């Protein structure tokens, strides 16, 4: 079982940047799909970025393309989400998620989840 722990959330102003981190423990599979989801109040949890642990395939939701970047540091077992040009509509709880195998597309396909970290963007 892979355990995920997010950090780096906070309160920022519109236009600011923030970097989220997700440390994975117990990760021994090289083919691992690591993703970032977010959930705003009253809305569905949506996948916003994903990457395969060994590199290659990367996914971004249209609403974050060009502003967010997902990356990973294999030596540190950590996945990052660099968020630039933040907007009030980016306000949400951000979750790190993962699964062994090829990149998934649906929330229910991810079995490993972190506890979430709050990101609040003020206007």
Protein backbone atom coordinates (compact mmCIF):
# COMPACT_ATOMS: atom_id res chain seq x y z
CA UNK A 1 0.00 0.00 0.00
CA UNK A 2 1.38 3.36 -1.02
CA UNK A 3 0.80 6.20 1.39
CA UNK A 4 0.60 9.76 0.10
CA UNK A 5 1.01 12.97 2.07
CA UNK A 6 0.43 16.44 0.61
CA UNK A 7 1.85 19.70 1.83
CA UNK A 8 2.24 23.26 0.62
CA UNK A 9 -1.28 24.61 0.58
CA UNK A 10 -2.19 28.03 1.89
CA UNK A 11 -3.81 31.40 1.33
CA UNK A 12 -2.49 33.46 -1.56
CA UNK A 13 -3.63 36.35 -3.72
CA UNK A 14 -4.69 36.14 -7.35
CA UNK A 15 -1.66 36.04 -9.60
CA UNK A 16 0.58 34.44 -6.98
CA UNK A 17 2.31 31.08 -7.20
CA UNK A 18 2.26 28.07 -4.93
CA UNK A 19 3.95 24.67 -5.02
CA UNK A 20 2.30 21.58 -3.62
CA UNK A 21 4.28 18.50 -2.67
CA UNK A 22 3.15 14.91 -2.37
CA UNK A 23 5.51 12.47 -0.69
CA UNK A 24 4.92 8.80 -1.41
CA UNK A 25 5.99 6.12 1.01
CA UNK A 26 5.99 2.44 0.22
CA UNK A 27 6.37 3.12 -3.49
CA UNK A 28 8.27 0.33 -5.15
CA UNK A 29 6.50 0.20 -8.51
CA UNK A 30 8.06 2.06 -11.35
CA UNK A 31 4.87 2.08 -13.38
CA UNK A 32 2.88 4.33 -11.09
CA UNK A 33 0.35 6.93 -12.13
CA UNK A 34 0.59 9.94 -9.82
CA UNK A 35 -2.11 12.58 -10.13
CA UNK A 36 -3.42 15.76 -8.59
CA UNK A 37 -7.14 16.25 -8.06
CA UNK A 38 -9.00 19.17 -6.57
CA UNK A 39 -12.44 19.63 -5.09
CA UNK A 40 -14.14 22.96 -4.60
CA UNK A 41 -17.13 23.29 -2.23
CA UNK A 42 -20.24 21.76 -3.75
CA UNK A 43 -18.39 20.47 -6.79
CA UNK A 44 -17.10 17.15 -8.03
CA UNK A 45 -13.51 16.15 -7.42
CA UNK A 46 -11.69 16.68 -10.69
CA UNK A 47 -8.38 15.44 -12.00
CA UNK A 48 -6.18 18.35 -12.99
CA UNK A 49 -2.76 16.83 -13.67
CA UNK A 50 -1.13 13.43 -13.85
CA UNK A 51 2.19 11.86 -14.69
CA UNK A 52 3.71 8.42 -14.87
CA UNK A 53 6.41 7.95 -12.24
CA UNK A 54 9.04 6.91 -14.76
CA UNK A 55 8.19 9.85 -16.98
CA UNK A 56 6.64 10.16 -20.40
CA UNK A 57 2.90 10.62 -20.43
CA UNK A 58 1.61 13.82 -18.79
CA UNK A 59 -1.97 15.07 -18.50
CA UNK A 60 -3.37 18.53 -17.71
CA UNK A 61 -6.94 19.64 -17.45
CA UNK A 62 -7.69 22.46 -19.87
CA UNK A 63 -8.42 24.91 -17.06
CA UNK A 64 -4.85 24.64 -15.71
CA UNK A 65 -2.85 24.18 -18.92
CA UNK A 66 -0.07 26.71 -19.21
CA UNK A 67 -0.32 27.65 -15.51
CA UNK A 68 0.27 24.41 -13.60
CA UNK A 69 3.18 22.01 -13.96
CA UNK A 70 3.42 18.51 -12.53
CA UNK A 71 6.86 17.06 -11.88
CA UNK A 72 8.45 14.37 -9.77
CA UNK A 73 11.69 13.74 -7.92
CA UNK A 74 12.25 10.00 -7.91
CA UNK A 75 15.07 10.21 -5.37
CA UNK A 76 12.76 11.96 -2.92
CA UNK A 77 9.67 9.90 -3.85
CA UNK A 78 7.85 13.18 -4.28
CA UNK A 79 5.47 14.59 -6.86
CA UNK A 80 5.05 18.34 -7.15
CA UNK A 81 2.40 20.64 -8.54
CA UNK A 82 3.73 24.08 -9.39
CA UNK A 83 0.82 26.48 -9.66
CA UNK A 84 1.38 29.88 -11.26
CA UNK A 85 -0.97 32.75 -12.06
CA UNK A 86 -3.46 31.48 -9.52
CA UNK A 87 -7.08 32.55 -9.84
CA UNK A 88 -9.89 32.65 -7.27
CA UNK A 89 -11.54 29.77 -9.13
CA UNK A 90 -8.51 27.61 -8.26
CA UNK A 91 -9.65 27.67 -4.64
CA UNK A 92 -10.19 24.06 -3.56
CA UNK A 93 -8.87 21.19 -1.51
CA UNK A 94 -6.08 19.62 -3.52
CA UNK A 95 -5.49 15.87 -3.30
CA UNK A 96 -2.64 13.71 -4.41
CA UNK A 97 -3.70 10.35 -5.81
CA UNK A 98 -2.01 7.36 -7.33
CA UNK A 99 -2.38 3.92 -8.79
CA UNK A 100 -0.10 1.17 -10.01
CA UNK A 101 -0.19 0.83 -13.74
CA UNK A 102 -0.87 2.97 -16.77
CA UNK A 103 -2.42 6.42 -16.55
CA UNK A 104 -6.07 6.37 -15.54
CA UNK A 105 -8.78 8.88 -16.33
CA UNK A 106 -11.48 8.30 -13.70
CA UNK A 107 -11.43 9.17 -10.03
CA UNK A 108 -12.53 5.67 -9.00
CA UNK A 109 -9.51 4.14 -10.72
CA UNK A 110 -7.18 5.72 -8.18
CA UNK A 111 -6.78 3.71 -4.99
CA UNK A 112 -4.14 5.72 -3.16
CA UNK A 113 -5.12 9.11 -1.75
CA UNK A 114 -3.58 11.76 0.44
CA UNK A 115 -5.48 13.69 3.08
CA UNK A 116 -5.75 16.86 1.00
CA UNK A 117 -4.40 20.36 1.40
CA UNK A 118 -6.43 23.57 1.19
CA UNK A 119 -5.56 26.20 -1.39
CA UNK A 120 -7.38 29.51 -1.14
CA UNK A 121 -6.89 32.26 -3.70
CA UNK A 122 -8.23 35.68 -2.81
CA UNK A 123 -9.14 38.27 -5.44
